[in-house]
Amino acid sequence: MSLEPVVFVAIVGGLILMLLIIGAPLRPVRFIGQGIIKVIIGAAFLFFLNTLGNQAGIHVPINPITSAVAGLLGIPGVAALAAIGYWII
């Protein structure tokens, strides 16, 4: 039993088309999920900063913008927010 070349190409083409159709919607969902996780981690960073920095008079409000900055930039972003809150505002 041999597989005809036309049938083989049709099967491979169908699999590639199916992967393109199924795989394309998953990419934006993955990026949105990673973004939400980073915002949550940023809020946790800010919570710990507010808890530990309370004695030094450092308070950074926890809102979506500051959480996004802290989540995307990590510890340097938290330090930048603390510096802005302490010296500028």
PDB file of N, CA and C in Angstrom:
ATOM      1  N   MET A   1       0.853  -1.170   0.000  1.00  0.00           N
ATOM      2  CA  MET A   1       0.000   0.000   0.000  1.00  0.00           C
ATOM      3  C   MET A   1       0.900   1.234   0.000  1.00  0.00           C
ATOM      4  N   SER A   2       0.840   1.993  -1.054  1.00  0.00           N
ATOM      5  CA  SER A   2       1.652   3.192  -1.144  1.00  0.00           C
ATOM      6  C   SER A   2       0.752   4.426  -1.113  1.00  0.00           C
ATOM      7  N   LEU A   3       1.317   5.489  -0.644  1.00  0.00           N
ATOM      8  CA  LEU A   3       0.577   6.741  -0.538  1.00  0.00           C
ATOM      9  C   LEU A   3       0.883   7.578  -1.764  1.00  0.00           C
ATOM     10  N   GLU A   4      -0.152   7.978  -2.436  1.00  0.00           N
ATOM     11  CA  GLU A   4       0.019   8.809  -3.629  1.00  0.00           C
ATOM     12  C   GLU A   4       0.590  10.164  -3.232  1.00  0.00           C
ATOM     13  N   PRO A   5       1.446  10.754  -4.055  1.00  0.00           N
ATOM     14  CA  PRO A   5       2.016  12.067  -3.732  1.00  0.00           C
ATOM     15  C   PRO A   5       0.961  13.158  -3.560  1.00  0.00           C
ATOM     16  N   VAL A   6      -0.095  13.094  -4.330  1.00  0.00           N
ATOM     17  CA  VAL A   6      -1.143  14.121  -4.230  1.00  0.00           C
ATOM     18  C   VAL A   6      -1.844  14.017  -2.878  1.00  0.00           C
ATOM     19  N   VAL A   7      -2.094  12.807  -2.414  1.00  0.00           N
ATOM     20  CA  VAL A   7      -2.747  12.603  -1.128  1.00  0.00           C
ATOM     21  C   VAL A   7      -1.808  13.051  -0.007  1.00  0.00           C
ATOM     22  N   PHE A   8      -0.522  12.737  -0.118  1.00  0.00           N
ATOM     23  CA  PHE A   8       0.454  13.141   0.896  1.00  0.00           C
ATOM     24  C   PHE A   8       0.539  14.658   0.992  1.00  0.00           C
ATOM     25  N   VAL A   9       0.610  15.349  -0.124  1.00  0.00           N
ATOM     26  CA  VAL A   9       0.677  16.816  -0.135  1.00  0.00           C
ATOM     27  C   VAL A   9      -0.612  17.404   0.434  1.00  0.00           C
ATOM     28  N   ALA A  10      -1.749  16.810   0.124  1.00  0.00           N
ATOM     29  CA  ALA A  10      -3.019  17.296   0.642  1.00  0.00           C
ATOM     30  C   ALA A  10      -3.086  17.127   2.164  1.00  0.00           C
ATOM     31  N   ILE A  11      -2.603  16.006   2.670  1.00  0.00           N
ATOM     32  CA  ILE A  11      -2.618  15.775   4.117  1.00  0.00           C
ATOM     33  C   ILE A  11      -1.682  16.758   4.825  1.00  0.00           C
ATOM     34  N   VAL A  12      -0.469  16.925   4.320  1.00  0.00           N
ATOM     35  CA  VAL A  12       0.482  17.852   4.934  1.00  0.00           C
ATOM     36  C   VAL A  12      -0.037  19.282   4.850  1.00  0.00           C
ATOM     37  N   GLY A  13      -0.592  19.668   3.706  1.00  0.00           N
ATOM     38  CA  GLY A  13      -1.166  21.013   3.558  1.00  0.00           C
ATOM     39  C   GLY A  13      -2.326  21.236   4.510  1.00  0.00           C
ATOM     40  N   GLY A  14      -3.164  20.238   4.684  1.00  0.00           N
ATOM     41  CA  GLY A  14      -4.280  20.351   5.617  1.00  0.00           C
ATOM     42  C   GLY A  14      -3.807  20.490   7.060  1.00  0.00           C
ATOM     43  N   LEU A  15      -2.762  19.728   7.423  1.00  0.00           N
ATOM     44  CA  LEU A  15      -2.211  19.844   8.774  1.00  0.00           C
ATOM     45  C   LEU A  15      -1.598  21.219   9.016  1.00  0.00           C
ATOM     46  N   ILE A  16      -0.885  21.739   8.033  1.00  0.00           N
ATOM     47  CA  ILE A  16      -0.297  23.071   8.172  1.00  0.00           C
ATOM     48  C   ILE A  16      -1.392  24.121   8.286  1.00  0.00           C
ATOM     49  N   LEU A  17      -2.421  24.021   7.474  1.00  0.00           N
ATOM     50  CA  LEU A  17      -3.538  24.964   7.539  1.00  0.00           C
ATOM     51  C   LEU A  17      -4.241  24.881   8.890  1.00  0.00           C
ATOM     52  N   MET A  18      -4.429  23.677   9.407  1.00  0.00           N
ATOM     53  CA  MET A  18      -5.074  23.510  10.700  1.00  0.00           C
ATOM     54  C   MET A  18      -4.221  24.119  11.822  1.00  0.00           C
ATOM     55  N   LEU A  19      -2.906  23.921  11.761  1.00  0.00           N
ATOM     56  CA  LEU A  19      -2.028  24.512  12.768  1.00  0.00           C
ATOM     57  C   LEU A  19      -2.036  26.034  12.687  1.00  0.00           C
ATOM     58  N   LEU A  20      -2.101  26.584  11.489  1.00  0.00           N
ATOM     59  CA  LEU A  20      -2.156  28.035  11.347  1.00  0.00           C
ATOM     60  C   LEU A  20      -3.458  28.600  11.903  1.00  0.00           C
ATOM     61  N   ILE A  21      -4.548  27.916  11.657  1.00  0.00           N
ATOM     62  CA  ILE A  21      -5.844  28.403  12.129  1.00  0.00           C
ATOM     63  C   ILE A  21      -5.955  28.258  13.647  1.00  0.00           C
ATOM     64  N   ILE A  22      -5.505  27.135  14.192  1.00  0.00           N
ATOM     65  CA  ILE A  22      -5.615  26.906  15.629  1.00  0.00           C
ATOM     66  C   ILE A  22      -4.535  27.674  16.378  1.00  0.00           C
ATOM     67  N   GLY A  23      -3.328  27.761  15.842  1.00  0.00           N
ATOM     68  CA  GLY A  23      -2.213  28.392  16.532  1.00  0.00           C
ATOM     69  C   GLY A  23      -2.295  29.905  16.568  1.00  0.00           C
ATOM     70  N   ALA A  24      -2.887  30.519  15.566  1.00  0.00           N
ATOM     71  CA  ALA A  24      -2.937  31.983  15.498  1.00  0.00           C
ATOM     72  C   ALA A  24      -3.730  32.603  16.645  1.00  0.00           C
ATOM     73  N   PRO A  25      -4.911  32.116  16.993  1.00  0.00           N
ATOM     74  CA  PRO A  25      -5.641  32.738  18.103  1.00  0.00           C
ATOM     75  C   PRO A  25      -4.990  32.509  19.470  1.00  0.00           C
ATOM     76  N   LEU A  26      -4.133  31.521  19.598  1.00  0.00           N
ATOM     77  CA  LEU A  26      -3.529  31.245  20.891  1.00  0.00           C
ATOM     78  C   LEU A  26      -2.425  32.235  21.242  1.00  0.00           C
ATOM     79  N   ARG A  27      -1.762  32.807  20.252  1.00  0.00           N
ATOM     80  CA  ARG A  27      -0.666  33.730  20.528  1.00  0.00           C
ATOM     81  C   ARG A  27      -1.125  34.984  21.269  1.00  0.00           C
ATOM     82  N   PRO A  28      -2.167  35.687  20.820  1.00  0.00           N
ATOM     83  CA  PRO A  28      -2.596  36.868  21.584  1.00  0.00           C
ATOM     84  C   PRO A  28      -3.087  36.521  22.987  1.00  0.00           C
ATOM     85  N   VAL A  29      -3.726  35.388  23.135  1.00  0.00           N
ATOM     86  CA  VAL A  29      -4.201  34.976  24.457  1.00  0.00           C
ATOM     87  C   VAL A  29      -3.011  34.731  25.375  1.00  0.00           C
ATOM     88  N   ARG A  30      -1.949  34.146  24.846  1.00  0.00           N
ATOM     89  CA  ARG A  30      -0.748  33.896  25.635  1.00  0.00           C
ATOM     90  C   ARG A  30      -0.103  35.219  26.059  1.00  0.00           C
ATOM     91  N   PHE A  31      -0.019  36.192  25.149  1.00  0.00           N
ATOM     92  CA  PHE A  31       0.572  37.486  25.492  1.00  0.00           C
ATOM     93  C   PHE A  31      -0.273  38.227  26.521  1.00  0.00           C
ATOM     94  N   ILE A  32      -1.587  38.165  26.389  1.00  0.00           N
ATOM     95  CA  ILE A  32      -2.464  38.812  27.365  1.00  0.00           C
ATOM     96  C   ILE A  32      -2.320  38.145  28.725  1.00  0.00           C
ATOM     97  N   GLY A  33      -2.243  36.821  28.749  1.00  0.00           N
ATOM     98  CA  GLY A  33      -2.060  36.100  30.003  1.00  0.00           C
ATOM     99  C   GLY A  33      -0.738  36.439  30.677  1.00  0.00           C
ATOM    100  N   GLN A  34       0.335  36.528  29.895  1.00  0.00           N
ATOM    101  CA  GLN A  34       1.627  36.903  30.460  1.00  0.00           C
ATOM    102  C   GLN A  34       1.604  38.326  30.989  1.00  0.00           C
ATOM    103  N   GLY A  35       0.908  39.222  30.283  1.00  0.00           N
ATOM    104  CA  GLY A  35       0.796  40.606  30.747  1.00  0.00           C
ATOM    105  C   GLY A  35       0.044  40.703  32.062  1.00  0.00           C
ATOM    106  N   ILE A  36      -1.034  39.943  32.182  1.00  0.00           N
ATOM    107  CA  ILE A  36      -1.814  39.954  33.422  1.00  0.00           C
ATOM    108  C   ILE A  36      -0.984  39.413  34.578  1.00  0.00           C
ATOM    109  N   ILE A  37      -0.213  38.365  34.324  1.00  0.00           N
ATOM    110  CA  ILE A  37       0.640  37.803  35.372  1.00  0.00           C
ATOM    111  C   ILE A  37       1.695  38.814  35.798  1.00  0.00           C
ATOM    112  N   LYS A  38       2.272  39.548  34.845  1.00  0.00           N
ATOM    113  CA  LYS A  38       3.274  40.555  35.192  1.00  0.00           C
ATOM    114  C   LYS A  38       2.665  41.695  36.005  1.00  0.00           C
ATOM    115  N   VAL A  39       1.442  42.094  35.683  1.00  0.00           N
ATOM    116  CA  VAL A  39       0.783  43.144  36.461  1.00  0.00           C
ATOM    117  C   VAL A  39       0.523  42.667  37.891  1.00  0.00           C
ATOM    118  N   ILE A  40       0.129  41.423  38.050  1.00  0.00           N
ATOM    119  CA  ILE A  40      -0.099  40.870  39.388  1.00  0.00           C
ATOM    120  C   ILE A  40       1.209  40.802  40.173  1.00  0.00           C
ATOM    121  N   ILE A  41       2.292  40.391  39.516  1.00  0.00           N
ATOM    122  CA  ILE A  41       3.591  40.360  40.181  1.00  0.00           C
ATOM    123  C   ILE A  41       4.031  41.770  40.551  1.00  0.00           C
ATOM    124  N   GLY A  42       3.764  42.734  39.686  1.00  0.00           N
ATOM    125  CA  GLY A  42       4.090  44.133  39.991  1.00  0.00           C
ATOM    126  C   GLY A  42       3.317  44.636  41.195  1.00  0.00           C
ATOM    127  N   ALA A  43       2.042  44.259  41.300  1.00  0.00           N
ATOM    128  CA  ALA A  43       1.252  44.652  42.470  1.00  0.00           C
ATOM    129  C   ALA A  43       1.818  44.032  43.741  1.00  0.00           C
ATOM    130  N   ALA A  44       2.292  42.788  43.636  1.00  0.00           N
ATOM    131  CA  ALA A  44       2.913  42.143  44.808  1.00  0.00           C
ATOM    132  C   ALA A  44       4.204  42.865  45.192  1.00  0.00           C
ATOM    133  N   PHE A  45       5.012  43.254  44.197  1.00  0.00           N
ATOM    134  CA  PHE A  45       6.227  44.028  44.479  1.00  0.00           C
ATOM    135  C   PHE A  45       5.883  45.327  45.201  1.00  0.00           C
ATOM    136  N   LEU A  46       4.869  46.010  44.718  1.00  0.00           N
ATOM    137  CA  LEU A  46       4.480  47.283  45.334  1.00  0.00           C
ATOM    138  C   LEU A  46       3.929  47.072  46.742  1.00  0.00           C
ATOM    139  N   PHE A  47       3.210  45.983  46.944  1.00  0.00           N
ATOM    140  CA  PHE A  47       2.712  45.679  48.285  1.00  0.00           C
ATOM    141  C   PHE A  47       3.871  45.509  49.263  1.00  0.00           C
ATOM    142  N   PHE A  48       4.894  44.739  48.844  1.00  0.00           N
ATOM    143  CA  PHE A  48       6.049  44.539  49.715  1.00  0.00           C
ATOM    144  C   PHE A  48       6.830  45.832  49.907  1.00  0.00           C
ATOM    145  N   LEU A  49       6.914  46.660  48.859  1.00  0.00           N
ATOM    146  CA  LEU A  49       7.578  47.953  49.011  1.00  0.00           C
ATOM    147  C   LEU A  49       6.840  48.822  50.021  1.00  0.00           C
ATOM    148  N   ASN A  50       5.519  48.863  49.920  1.00  0.00           N
ATOM    149  CA  ASN A  50       4.738  49.666  50.859  1.00  0.00           C
ATOM    150  C   ASN A  50       4.832  49.121  52.277  1.00  0.00           C
ATOM    151  N   THR A  51       4.886  47.810  52.408  1.00  0.00           N
ATOM    152  CA  THR A  51       4.996  47.209  53.732  1.00  0.00           C
ATOM    153  C   THR A  51       6.362  47.505  54.357  1.00  0.00           C
ATOM    154  N   LEU A  52       7.423  47.320  53.582  1.00  0.00           N
ATOM    155  CA  LEU A  52       8.766  47.545  54.114  1.00  0.00           C
ATOM    156  C   LEU A  52       9.150  49.023  54.135  1.00  0.00           C
ATOM    157  N   GLY A  53       8.630  49.798  53.202  1.00  0.00           N
ATOM    158  CA  GLY A  53       8.987  51.205  53.116  1.00  0.00           C
ATOM    159  C   GLY A  53       8.143  52.112  53.988  1.00  0.00           C
ATOM    160  N   ASN A  54       7.189  51.564  54.694  1.00  0.00           N
ATOM    161  CA  ASN A  54       6.314  52.359  55.548  1.00  0.00           C
ATOM    162  C   ASN A  54       7.115  53.070  56.635  1.00  0.00           C
ATOM    163  N   GLN A  55       8.120  52.425  57.159  1.00  0.00           N
ATOM    164  CA  GLN A  55       8.933  53.018  58.214  1.00  0.00           C
ATOM    165  C   GLN A  55       9.787  54.169  57.692  1.00  0.00           C
ATOM    166  N   ALA A  56      10.152  54.110  56.404  1.00  0.00           N
ATOM    167  CA  ALA A  56      10.972  55.168  55.810  1.00  0.00           C
ATOM    168  C   ALA A  56      10.125  56.258  55.174  1.00  0.00           C
ATOM    169  N   GLY A  57       8.822  56.121  55.220  1.00  0.00           N
ATOM    170  CA  GLY A  57       7.937  57.127  54.640  1.00  0.00           C
ATOM    171  C   GLY A  57       7.738  56.980  53.145  1.00  0.00           C
ATOM    172  N   ILE A  58       7.997  55.794  52.605  1.00  0.00           N
ATOM    173  CA  ILE A  58       7.825  55.547  51.172  1.00  0.00           C
ATOM    174  C   ILE A  58       6.479  54.869  50.965  1.00  0.00           C
ATOM    175  N   HIS A  59       5.658  55.476  50.125  1.00  0.00           N
ATOM    176  CA  HIS A  59       4.364  54.881  49.787  1.00  0.00           C
ATOM    177  C   HIS A  59       4.108  55.108  48.303  1.00  0.00           C
ATOM    178  N   VAL A  60       3.915  54.024  47.581  1.00  0.00           N
ATOM    179  CA  VAL A  60       3.569  54.077  46.165  1.00  0.00           C
ATOM    180  C   VAL A  60       2.182  53.471  46.029  1.00  0.00           C
ATOM    181  N   PRO A  61       1.227  54.220  45.489  1.00  0.00           N
ATOM    182  CA  PRO A  61      -0.121  53.659  45.360  1.00  0.00           C
ATOM    183  C   PRO A  61      -0.136  52.467  44.400  1.00  0.00           C
ATOM    184  N   ILE A  62      -0.964  51.504  44.736  1.00  0.00           N
ATOM    185  CA  ILE A  62      -1.093  50.312  43.894  1.00  0.00           C
ATOM    186  C   ILE A  62      -2.301  50.513  42.991  1.00  0.00           C
ATOM    187  N   ASN A  63      -2.039  50.785  41.729  1.00  0.00           N
ATOM    188  CA  ASN A  63      -3.088  50.909  40.713  1.00  0.00           C
ATOM    189  C   ASN A  63      -2.589  50.224  39.444  1.00  0.00           C
ATOM    190  N   PRO A  64      -3.415  50.094  38.419  1.00  0.00           N
ATOM    191  CA  PRO A  64      -2.983  49.354  37.227  1.00  0.00           C
ATOM    192  C   PRO A  64      -1.738  49.933  36.551  1.00  0.00           C
ATOM    193  N   ILE A  65      -1.581  51.251  36.555  1.00  0.00           N
ATOM    194  CA  ILE A  65      -0.422  51.853  35.886  1.00  0.00           C
ATOM    195  C   ILE A  65       0.863  51.533  36.649  1.00  0.00           C
ATOM    196  N   THR A  66       0.880  51.776  37.954  1.00  0.00           N
ATOM    197  CA  THR A  66       2.090  51.510  38.729  1.00  0.00           C
ATOM    198  C   THR A  66       2.376  50.004  38.795  1.00  0.00           C
ATOM    199  N   SER A  67       1.335  49.174  38.824  1.00  0.00           N
ATOM    200  CA  SER A  67       1.536  47.727  38.816  1.00  0.00           C
ATOM    201  C   SER A  67       2.127  47.269  37.489  1.00  0.00           C
ATOM    202  N   ALA A  68       1.681  47.866  36.385  1.00  0.00           N
ATOM    203  CA  ALA A  68       2.222  47.513  35.071  1.00  0.00           C
ATOM    204  C   ALA A  68       3.681  47.933  34.962  1.00  0.00           C
ATOM    205  N   VAL A  69       4.012  49.122  35.439  1.00  0.00           N
ATOM    206  CA  VAL A  69       5.406  49.578  35.407  1.00  0.00           C
ATOM    207  C   VAL A  69       6.275  48.656  36.252  1.00  0.00           C
ATOM    208  N   ALA A  70       5.822  48.339  37.448  1.00  0.00           N
ATOM    209  CA  ALA A  70       6.593  47.463  38.328  1.00  0.00           C
ATOM    210  C   ALA A  70       6.696  46.053  37.765  1.00  0.00           C
ATOM    211  N   GLY A  71       5.639  45.564  37.143  1.00  0.00           N
ATOM    212  CA  GLY A  71       5.661  44.218  36.585  1.00  0.00           C
ATOM    213  C   GLY A  71       6.520  44.110  35.344  1.00  0.00           C
ATOM    214  N   LEU A  72       6.458  45.098  34.473  1.00  0.00           N
ATOM    215  CA  LEU A  72       7.238  45.036  33.240  1.00  0.00           C
ATOM    216  C   LEU A  72       8.716  45.331  33.474  1.00  0.00           C
ATOM    217  N   LEU A  73       9.028  46.250  34.382  1.00  0.00           N
ATOM    218  CA  LEU A  73      10.424  46.625  34.610  1.00  0.00           C
ATOM    219  C   LEU A  73      11.073  45.871  35.760  1.00  0.00           C
ATOM    220  N   GLY A  74      10.262  45.229  36.588  1.00  0.00           N
ATOM    221  CA  GLY A  74      10.811  44.444  37.689  1.00  0.00           C
ATOM    222  C   GLY A  74      11.282  45.310  38.846  1.00  0.00           C
ATOM    223  N   ILE A  75      12.335  44.861  39.502  1.00  0.00           N
ATOM    224  CA  ILE A  75      12.871  45.563  40.664  1.00  0.00           C
ATOM    225  C   ILE A  75      13.350  46.976  40.310  1.00  0.00           C
ATOM    226  N   PRO A  76      14.019  47.194  39.166  1.00  0.00           N
ATOM    227  CA  PRO A  76      14.385  48.575  38.824  1.00  0.00           C
ATOM    228  C   PRO A  76      13.171  49.485  38.649  1.00  0.00           C
ATOM    229  N   GLY A  77      12.071  48.951  38.152  1.00  0.00           N
ATOM    230  CA  GLY A  77      10.852  49.740  38.026  1.00  0.00           C
ATOM    231  C   GLY A  77      10.273  50.107  39.382  1.00  0.00           C
ATOM    232  N   VAL A  78      10.327  49.172  40.320  1.00  0.00           N
ATOM    233  CA  VAL A  78       9.851  49.453  41.676  1.00  0.00           C
ATOM    234  C   VAL A  78      10.730  50.520  42.325  1.00  0.00           C
ATOM    235  N   ALA A  79      12.039  50.399  42.122  1.00  0.00           N
ATOM    236  CA  ALA A  79      12.957  51.404  42.670  1.00  0.00           C
ATOM    237  C   ALA A  79      12.711  52.772  42.037  1.00  0.00           C
ATOM    238  N   ALA A  80      12.439  52.803  40.739  1.00  0.00           N
ATOM    239  CA  ALA A  80      12.148  54.070  40.069  1.00  0.00           C
ATOM    240  C   ALA A  80      10.854  54.682  40.596  1.00  0.00           C
ATOM    241  N   LEU A  81       9.830  53.862  40.802  1.00  0.00           N
ATOM    242  CA  LEU A  81       8.574  54.371  41.350  1.00  0.00           C
ATOM    243  C   LEU A  81       8.767  54.902  42.766  1.00  0.00           C
ATOM    244  N   ALA A  82       9.586  54.185  43.544  1.00  0.00           N
ATOM    245  CA  ALA A  82       9.852  54.649  44.910  1.00  0.00           C
ATOM    246  C   ALA A  82      10.611  55.968  44.892  1.00  0.00           C
ATOM    247  N   ALA A  83      11.581  56.091  43.994  1.00  0.00           N
ATOM    248  CA  ALA A  83      12.354  57.337  43.898  1.00  0.00           C
ATOM    249  C   ALA A  83      11.471  58.490  43.432  1.00  0.00           C
ATOM    250  N   ILE A  84      10.617  58.233  42.470  1.00  0.00           N
ATOM    251  CA  ILE A  84       9.699  59.286  41.998  1.00  0.00           C
ATOM    252  C   ILE A  84       8.752  59.687  43.124  1.00  0.00           C
ATOM    253  N   GLY A  85       8.225  58.705  43.842  1.00  0.00           N
ATOM    254  CA  GLY A  85       7.328  59.007  44.937  1.00  0.00           C
ATOM    255  C   GLY A  85       8.003  59.731  46.082  1.00  0.00           C
ATOM    256  N   TYR A  86       9.257  59.418  46.314  1.00  0.00           N
ATOM    257  CA  TYR A  86       9.969  60.010  47.470  1.00  0.00           C
ATOM    258  C   TYR A  86      10.495  61.404  47.156  1.00  0.00           C
ATOM    259  N   TRP A  87      11.104  61.599  45.974  1.00  0.00           N
ATOM    260  CA  TRP A  87      11.757  62.877  45.687  1.00  0.00           C
ATOM    261  C   TRP A  87      10.920  63.838  44.863  1.00  0.00           C
ATOM    262  N   ILE A  88      10.103  63.360  43.976  1.00  0.00           N
ATOM    263  CA  ILE A  88       9.395  64.268  43.064  1.00  0.00           C
ATOM    264  C   ILE A  88       8.008  64.613  43.579  1.00  0.00           C
ATOM    265  N   ILE A  89       7.281  63.654  44.036  1.00  0.00           N
ATOM    266  CA  ILE A  89       5.892  63.916  44.429  1.00  0.00           C
ATOM    267  C   ILE A  89       5.810  64.310  45.863  1.00  0.00           C
TER     268      ILE A  89
END
